[in-house]
C-alpha atoms as a PDB file:
ATOM      1  CA  MET A   1       2.738  -8.375 -32.840  1.00  0.00           C
ATOM      2  CA  MET A   2       4.653  -7.624 -29.623  1.00  0.00           C
ATOM      3  CA  LYS A   3       2.489  -7.676 -26.489  1.00  0.00           C
ATOM      4  CA  ILE A   4       3.178  -4.688 -24.231  1.00  0.00           C
ATOM      5  CA  LEU A   5       2.316  -4.515 -20.526  1.00  0.00           C
ATOM      6  CA  VAL A   6       1.911  -0.923 -19.348  1.00  0.00           C
ATOM      7  CA  VAL A   7       2.243  -0.198 -15.621  1.00  0.00           C
ATOM      8  CA  ASP A   8       1.062   3.199 -14.362  1.00  0.00           C
ATOM      9  CA  VAL A   9       2.431   3.660 -10.839  1.00  0.00           C
ATOM     10  CA  GLY A  10       0.495   6.262  -8.854  1.00  0.00           C
ATOM     11  CA  GLY A  11       0.510   7.418  -5.261  1.00  0.00           C
ATOM     12  CA  THR A  12      -2.828   5.679  -4.601  1.00  0.00           C
ATOM     13  CA  ASN A  13      -3.039   2.831  -7.114  1.00  0.00           C
ATOM     14  CA  ILE A  14      -0.998   0.822  -9.595  1.00  0.00           C
ATOM     15  CA  LYS A  15      -2.919   0.397 -12.857  1.00  0.00           C
ATOM     16  CA  ILE A  16      -2.025  -2.002 -15.653  1.00  0.00           C
ATOM     17  CA  ARG A  17      -3.223  -2.698 -19.176  1.00  0.00           C
ATOM     18  CA  ARG A  18      -1.924  -4.890 -21.969  1.00  0.00           C
ATOM     19  CA  SER A  19      -1.820  -3.973 -25.637  1.00  0.00           C
ATOM     20  CA  GLY A  20      -4.570  -5.504 -27.745  1.00  0.00           C
ATOM     21  CA  GLN A  21      -7.194  -5.356 -24.999  1.00  0.00           C
ATOM     22  CA  ASP A  22      -9.222  -2.747 -23.133  1.00  0.00           C
ATOM     23  CA  GLU A  23      -9.299  -4.187 -19.614  1.00  0.00           C
ATOM     24  CA  ILE A  24      -7.568  -2.101 -16.954  1.00  0.00           C
ATOM     25  CA  ARG A  25      -6.663  -3.730 -13.648  1.00  0.00           C
ATOM     26  CA  LYS A  26      -5.548  -1.959 -10.487  1.00  0.00           C
ATOM     27  CA  THR A  27      -4.221  -2.600  -7.007  1.00  0.00           C
ATOM     28  CA  PRO A  28      -3.458  -0.174  -4.141  1.00  0.00           C
ATOM     29  CA  SER A  29       0.027   1.378  -3.876  1.00  0.00           C
ATOM     30  CA  GLY A  30       0.590   3.815  -0.978  1.00  0.00           C
ATOM     31  CA  PRO A  31       3.454   5.453   0.939  1.00  0.00           C
ATOM     32  CA  GLU A  32       5.144   2.187   1.941  1.00  0.00           C
ATOM     33  CA  LEU A  33       5.290   0.626  -1.550  1.00  0.00           C
ATOM     34  CA  THR A  34       8.801  -0.418  -2.599  1.00  0.00           C
ATOM     35  CA  ALA A  35       9.909  -1.180  -6.163  1.00  0.00           C
ATOM     36  CA  HIS A  36      10.141  -4.886  -5.339  1.00  0.00           C
ATOM     37  CA  GLN A  37       6.606  -4.898  -3.922  1.00  0.00           C
ATOM     38  CA  MET A  38       5.339  -3.098  -7.027  1.00  0.00           C
ATOM     39  CA  VAL A  39       6.792  -5.770  -9.311  1.00  0.00           C
ATOM     40  CA  GLU A  40       5.311  -8.579  -7.204  1.00  0.00           C
ATOM     41  CA  LYS A  41       1.885  -6.905  -7.213  1.00  0.00           C
ATOM     42  CA  VAL A  42       2.015  -6.371 -10.985  1.00  0.00           C
ATOM     43  CA  LYS A  43       3.084  -9.947 -11.667  1.00  0.00           C
ATOM     44  CA  SER A  44       0.200 -11.204  -9.553  1.00  0.00           C
ATOM     45  CA  LEU A  45      -2.289  -8.787 -11.116  1.00  0.00           C
ATOM     46  CA  ALA A  46      -1.201  -9.710 -14.660  1.00  0.00           C
ATOM     47  CA  GLY A  47      -0.856 -13.390 -13.846  1.00  0.00           C
ATOM     48  CA  ASP A  48      -3.002 -14.679 -16.729  1.00  0.00           C
ATOM     49  CA  TRP A  49      -1.687 -12.177 -19.319  1.00  0.00           C
ATOM     50  CA  GLU A  50       1.146 -12.940 -21.723  1.00  0.00           C
ATOM     51  CA  TYR A  51       3.440 -10.007 -22.476  1.00  0.00           C
ATOM     52  CA  ASP A  52       6.813  -9.491 -24.163  1.00  0.00           C
ATOM     53  CA  VAL A  53       7.911  -6.094 -22.850  1.00  0.00           C
ATOM     54  CA  VAL A  54       6.980  -3.704 -20.041  1.00  0.00           C
ATOM     55  CA  SER A  55       6.470   0.088 -19.928  1.00  0.00           C
ATOM     56  CA  ILE A  56       6.509   1.694 -16.477  1.00  0.00           C
ATOM     57  CA  GLY A  57       5.194   5.167 -15.706  1.00  0.00           C
ATOM     58  CA  TYR A  58       7.146   6.287 -12.620  1.00  0.00           C
ATOM     59  CA  PRO A  59       5.981   9.124 -10.309  1.00  0.00           C
ATOM     60  CA  GLY A  60       9.280  11.015 -10.243  1.00  0.00           C
ATOM     61  CA  PRO A  61      12.122  12.210 -12.479  1.00  0.00           C
ATOM     62  CA  VAL A  62      13.561   9.633 -14.890  1.00  0.00           C
ATOM     63  CA  VAL A  63      16.898  10.145 -16.677  1.00  0.00           C
ATOM     64  CA  HIS A  64      18.324   7.724 -19.254  1.00  0.00           C
ATOM     65  CA  GLY A  65      15.528   5.277 -18.487  1.00  0.00           C
ATOM     66  CA  LYS A  66      16.210   5.116 -14.736  1.00  0.00           C
ATOM     67  CA  PRO A  67      14.552   6.816 -11.747  1.00  0.00           C
ATOM     68  CA  LEU A  68      16.718   9.767 -10.704  1.00  0.00           C
ATOM     69  CA  SER A  69      15.384  10.052  -7.150  1.00  0.00           C
ATOM     70  CA  GLU A  70      13.132   8.144  -4.786  1.00  0.00           C
ATOM     71  CA  PRO A  71       9.390   8.888  -5.184  1.00  0.00           C
ATOM     72  CA  LYS A  72       7.860  11.357  -2.723  1.00  0.00           C
ATOM     73  CA  ASN A  73       4.597   9.428  -2.256  1.00  0.00           C
ATOM     74  CA  LEU A  74       5.861   5.809  -2.214  1.00  0.00           C
ATOM     75  CA  GLY A  75       8.329   3.668  -0.291  1.00  0.00           C
ATOM     76  CA  PRO A  76      12.106   3.380  -0.884  1.00  0.00           C
ATOM     77  CA  GLY A  77      14.318   1.292  -3.171  1.00  0.00           C
ATOM     78  CA  TRP A  78      13.470   2.552  -6.665  1.00  0.00           C
ATOM     79  CA  VAL A  79      16.609   4.317  -7.888  1.00  0.00           C
ATOM     80  CA  SER A  80      18.966   1.325  -8.039  1.00  0.00           C
ATOM     81  CA  PHE A  81      16.293  -1.304  -8.732  1.00  0.00           C
ATOM     82  CA  ASP A  82      16.805  -3.609 -11.738  1.00  0.00           C
ATOM     83  CA  PHE A  83      13.341  -3.724 -13.299  1.00  0.00           C
ATOM     84  CA  GLU A  84      14.401  -5.911 -16.247  1.00  0.00           C
ATOM     85  CA  ALA A  85      15.844  -8.570 -13.952  1.00  0.00           C
ATOM     86  CA  ALA A  86      12.743  -8.451 -11.739  1.00  0.00           C
ATOM     87  CA  PHE A  87      10.291  -8.829 -14.629  1.00  0.00           C
ATOM     88  CA  GLY A  88      12.541 -11.015 -16.763  1.00  0.00           C
ATOM     89  CA  LYS A  89      11.519  -8.866 -19.762  1.00  0.00           C
ATOM     90  CA  PRO A  90      12.785  -5.755 -21.566  1.00  0.00           C
ATOM     91  CA  VAL A  91      11.545  -2.726 -19.589  1.00  0.00           C
ATOM     92  CA  LYS A  92      11.310   0.977 -20.430  1.00  0.00           C
ATOM     93  CA  VAL A  93      10.800   3.425 -17.552  1.00  0.00           C
ATOM     94  CA  ILE A  94       9.449   6.929 -18.126  1.00  0.00           C
ATOM     95  CA  ASN A  95       8.066   9.629 -15.859  1.00  0.00           C
ATOM     96  CA  ASP A  96       4.336   8.973 -15.372  1.00  0.00           C
ATOM     97  CA  ALA A  97       3.335  12.449 -16.561  1.00  0.00           C
ATOM     98  CA  ALA A  98       5.560  12.017 -19.628  1.00  0.00           C
ATOM     99  CA  MET A  99       3.857   8.693 -20.408  1.00  0.00           C
ATOM    100  CA  GLN A 100       0.406  10.245 -20.216  1.00  0.00           C
ATOM    101  CA  ALA A 101       1.655  13.236 -22.207  1.00  0.00           C
ATOM    102  CA  LEU A 102       2.962  10.963 -24.958  1.00  0.00           C
ATOM    103  CA  GLY A 103      -0.464   9.332 -25.151  1.00  0.00           C
ATOM    104  CA  SER A 104      -2.158  12.757 -25.365  1.00  0.00           C
ATOM    105  CA  TYR A 105       0.141  14.321 -27.969  1.00  0.00           C
ATOM    106  CA  GLU A 106      -1.293  15.659 -31.227  1.00  0.00           C
ATOM    107  CA  GLY A 107       1.678  17.516 -32.695  1.00  0.00           C
ATOM    108  CA  GLY A 108       3.367  20.896 -32.224  1.00  0.00           C
ATOM    109  CA  ARG A 109       4.477  22.210 -28.818  1.00  0.00           C
ATOM    110  CA  MET A 110       2.357  20.612 -26.113  1.00  0.00           C
ATOM    111  CA  LEU A 111       2.617  21.207 -22.372  1.00  0.00           C
ATOM    112  CA  PHE A 112       1.120  18.441 -20.256  1.00  0.00           C
ATOM    113  CA  LEU A 113       0.234  19.120 -16.629  1.00  0.00           C
ATOM    114  CA  GLY A 114      -0.932  16.264 -14.422  1.00  0.00           C
ATOM    115  CA  LEU A 115      -3.183  17.417 -11.588  1.00  0.00           C
ATOM    116  CA  GLY A 116      -2.933  14.477  -9.237  1.00  0.00           C
ATOM    117  CA  THR A 117      -1.348  13.793  -5.862  1.00  0.00           C
ATOM    118  CA  GLY A 118       1.355  16.218  -6.984  1.00  0.00           C
ATOM    119  CA  LEU A 119       1.914  18.132 -10.239  1.00  0.00           C
ATOM    120  CA  GLY A 120       3.381  16.233 -13.177  1.00  0.00           C
ATOM    121  CA  SER A 121       4.781  18.178 -16.118  1.00  0.00           C
ATOM    122  CA  THR A 122       6.083  17.340 -19.576  1.00  0.00           C
ATOM    123  CA  LEU A 123       6.787  19.357 -22.690  1.00  0.00           C
ATOM    124  CA  ILE A 124       6.702  17.676 -26.097  1.00  0.00           C
ATOM    125  CA  ILE A 125       8.183  19.668 -28.986  1.00  0.00           C
ATOM    126  CA  ASP A 126       7.738  18.228 -32.484  1.00  0.00           C
ATOM    127  CA  GLY A 127       7.631  14.702 -31.079  1.00  0.00           C
ATOM    128  CA  VAL A 128      10.603  15.079 -28.726  1.00  0.00           C
ATOM    129  CA  ILE A 129       9.712  14.450 -25.065  1.00  0.00           C
ATOM    130  CA  ALA A 130      11.195  16.774 -22.448  1.00  0.00           C
ATOM    131  CA  PRO A 131      10.128  15.586 -18.985  1.00  0.00           C
ATOM    132  CA  MET A 132      10.141  18.513 -16.582  1.00  0.00           C
ATOM    133  CA  GLU A 133      10.091  19.049 -12.842  1.00  0.00           C
ATOM    134  CA  LEU A 134       8.093  22.263 -12.576  1.00  0.00           C
ATOM    135  CA  ALA A 135       6.195  21.097  -9.491  1.00  0.00           C
ATOM    136  CA  HIS A 136       8.779  22.203  -6.947  1.00  0.00           C
ATOM    137  CA  LEU A 137       9.618  25.625  -8.404  1.00  0.00           C
ATOM    138  CA  PRO A 138       8.670  28.537  -6.130  1.00  0.00           C
ATOM    139  CA  TYR A 139       5.286  30.085  -6.892  1.00  0.00           C
ATOM    140  CA  ARG A 140       3.737  32.156  -4.084  1.00  0.00           C
ATOM    141  CA  LYS A 141       4.276  32.901  -0.393  1.00  0.00           C
ATOM    142  CA  GLY A 142       7.198  30.505  -0.101  1.00  0.00           C
ATOM    143  CA  ARG A 143       5.164  27.680  -1.590  1.00  0.00           C
ATOM    144  CA  THR A 144       5.622  25.766  -4.852  1.00  0.00           C
ATOM    145  CA  PHE A 145       3.359  25.218  -7.849  1.00  0.00           C
ATOM    146  CA  GLU A 146       2.580  21.741  -6.477  1.00  0.00           C
ATOM    147  CA  ASP A 147       1.631  23.224  -3.087  1.00  0.00           C
ATOM    148  CA  TYR A 148      -1.096  25.191  -4.853  1.00  0.00           C
ATOM    149  CA  VAL A 149      -2.448  22.923  -7.609  1.00  0.00           C
ATOM    150  CA  GLY A 150      -1.603  19.435  -6.274  1.00  0.00           C
ATOM    151  CA  ALA A 151      -3.871  17.501  -3.915  1.00  0.00           C
ATOM    152  CA  ARG A 152      -2.463  19.305  -0.860  1.00  0.00           C
ATOM    153  CA  GLY A 153      -3.372  22.632  -2.442  1.00  0.00           C
ATOM    154  CA  LEU A 154      -6.934  21.529  -3.116  1.00  0.00           C
ATOM    155  CA  LYS A 155      -7.295  20.482   0.514  1.00  0.00           C
ATOM    156  CA  ARG A 156      -5.712  23.648   1.909  1.00  0.00           C
ATOM    157  CA  LEU A 157      -7.339  26.211  -0.411  1.00  0.00           C
ATOM    158  CA  GLY A 158     -10.769  24.686  -0.987  1.00  0.00           C
ATOM    159  CA  LYS A 159     -12.160  24.087  -4.449  1.00  0.00           C
ATOM    160  CA  LYS A 160     -12.914  27.683  -5.471  1.00  0.00           C
ATOM    161  CA  LYS A 161      -9.433  29.074  -4.748  1.00  0.00           C
ATOM    162  CA  TRP A 162      -7.831  25.909  -6.106  1.00  0.00           C
ATOM    163  CA  LEU A 163      -9.629  26.425  -9.437  1.00  0.00           C
ATOM    164  CA  GLN A 164      -8.339  29.998  -9.550  1.00  0.00           C
ATOM    165  CA  ALA A 165      -4.818  28.771  -8.853  1.00  0.00           C
ATOM    166  CA  VAL A 166      -5.064  26.191 -11.651  1.00  0.00           C
ATOM    167  CA  ASP A 167      -6.151  28.917 -14.125  1.00  0.00           C
ATOM    168  CA  ASP A 168      -3.229  31.119 -13.099  1.00  0.00           C
ATOM    169  CA  VAL A 169      -0.604  28.369 -13.098  1.00  0.00           C
ATOM    170  CA  VAL A 170      -1.689  27.072 -16.517  1.00  0.00           C
ATOM    171  CA  ALA A 171      -1.541  30.580 -18.013  1.00  0.00           C
ATOM    172  CA  ARG A 172       1.918  31.263 -16.527  1.00  0.00           C
ATOM    173  CA  LEU A 173       3.485  27.972 -17.588  1.00  0.00           C
ATOM    174  CA  LYS A 174       1.909  28.019 -21.071  1.00  0.00           C
ATOM    175  CA  ALA A 175       3.364  31.487 -21.661  1.00  0.00           C
ATOM    176  CA  ALA A 176       6.768  30.677 -20.154  1.00  0.00           C
ATOM    177  CA  LEU A 177       7.213  27.535 -22.279  1.00  0.00           C
ATOM    178  CA  VAL A 178       5.621  29.013 -25.438  1.00  0.00           C
ATOM    179  CA  ALA A 179       3.270  26.027 -25.709  1.00  0.00           C
ATOM    180  CA  ASP A 180       0.743  25.790 -28.550  1.00  0.00           C
ATOM    181  CA  TYR A 181      -1.703  24.044 -26.233  1.00  0.00           C
ATOM    182  CA  VAL A 182      -1.928  22.539 -22.765  1.00  0.00           C
ATOM    183  CA  VAL A 183      -3.338  19.120 -21.885  1.00  0.00           C
ATOM    184  CA  LEU A 184      -4.571  18.697 -18.306  1.00  0.00           C
ATOM    185  CA  GLY A 185      -4.536  15.169 -16.949  1.00  0.00           C
ATOM    186  CA  GLY A 186      -4.361  13.497 -13.560  1.00  0.00           C
ATOM    187  CA  GLY A 187      -7.141  12.537 -11.193  1.00  0.00           C
ATOM    188  CA  ASN A 188      -8.161  16.083 -10.237  1.00  0.00           C
ATOM    189  CA  ALA A 189      -8.477  17.445 -13.781  1.00  0.00           C
ATOM    190  CA  LYS A 190     -12.094  16.255 -13.810  1.00  0.00           C
ATOM    191  CA  LYS A 191     -12.861  18.795 -11.057  1.00  0.00           C
ATOM    192  CA  LEU A 192     -12.400  21.668 -13.518  1.00  0.00           C
ATOM    193  CA  LYS A 193     -15.777  23.182 -14.438  1.00  0.00           C
ATOM    194  CA  THR A 194     -14.321  25.377 -17.176  1.00  0.00           C
ATOM    195  CA  LEU A 195     -10.934  24.903 -18.791  1.00  0.00           C
ATOM    196  CA  PRO A 196      -8.205  27.532 -18.859  1.00  0.00           C
ATOM    197  CA  GLU A 197      -7.713  29.217 -22.220  1.00  0.00           C
ATOM    198  CA  GLY A 198      -5.699  27.082 -24.627  1.00  0.00           C
ATOM    199  CA  ALA A 199      -6.172  23.930 -22.552  1.00  0.00           C
ATOM    200  CA  ARG A 200      -8.025  20.674 -23.091  1.00  0.00           C
ATOM    201  CA  LEU A 201      -8.672  17.705 -20.862  1.00  0.00           C
ATOM    202  CA  GLY A 202      -6.558  14.621 -21.203  1.00  0.00           C
ATOM    203  CA  ALA A 203      -7.574  11.241 -19.863  1.00  0.00           C
ATOM    204  CA  ASN A 204      -5.789   8.944 -17.441  1.00  0.00           C
ATOM    205  CA  ALA A 205      -6.291   6.167 -19.992  1.00  0.00           C
ATOM    206  CA  ASN A 206      -3.912   8.072 -22.285  1.00  0.00           C
ATOM    207  CA  ALA A 207      -1.094   6.886 -20.027  1.00  0.00           C
ATOM    208  CA  PHE A 208      -1.587   3.430 -21.497  1.00  0.00           C
ATOM    209  CA  VAL A 209      -1.537   4.810 -25.053  1.00  0.00           C
ATOM    210  CA  GLY A 210       1.747   6.506 -24.164  1.00  0.00           C
ATOM    211  CA  GLY A 211       3.100   3.229 -22.816  1.00  0.00           C
ATOM    212  CA  PHE A 212       2.272   1.520 -26.111  1.00  0.00           C
ATOM    213  CA  ARG A 213       3.795   4.381 -28.119  1.00  0.00           C
ATOM    214  CA  MET A 214       7.068   3.968 -26.216  1.00  0.00           C
ATOM    215  CA  TRP A 215       7.533   0.787 -28.221  1.00  0.00           C
ATOM    216  CA  LYS A 216       6.209   2.470 -31.418  1.00  0.00           C
ATOM    217  CA  GLN A 217       2.838   0.777 -31.154  1.00  0.00           C
ATOM    218  CA  GLU A 218      -0.634   2.220 -30.664  1.00  0.00           C
ATOM    219  CA  GLY A 219      -1.891  -0.826 -28.752  1.00  0.00           C
END
């Protein structure tokens, strides 16, 4: 069976896991991290693992398997980077929220919202993935959805008002996209005491399941 290395690139950490095993390894990322540095860190971190192909969850829009724009929370050099040449393996790149969404999907019309450093968003309709960029749409008072429910919003609003904003944003986006259900993932989803109606918690580990499913394997 093909061995798949899944790389989940976040604003704080890079996390990796290989199919066929449960161990997750991580290393810091940060605002200076370039694509080349990411590959070198991953190769070092996965040094004793054999793998045939690589799935990368990228924190930004991805079109036709390539980053469309440079990441907001990392360093430069991602858009034109040749990941396959750098790894020496077949590589599939997908938006990080889309990868976690794929790992969380249970049929129908699912909206995934990742409450992390920013706001990731993906819609899956009958198995077809539609990565979205809802984060930067205007929401209130000249600010975006991400400004309210991302990490900056939590810091600015405080937890109580942030929770209210999450409830409101989930309800609005679920209605607008006619979703059957919403899955909330990302590092800050665990701060929710009660879940908005029609929503359930995802798990960051589902990103790895999504990375395996990209190659039609459950890992």
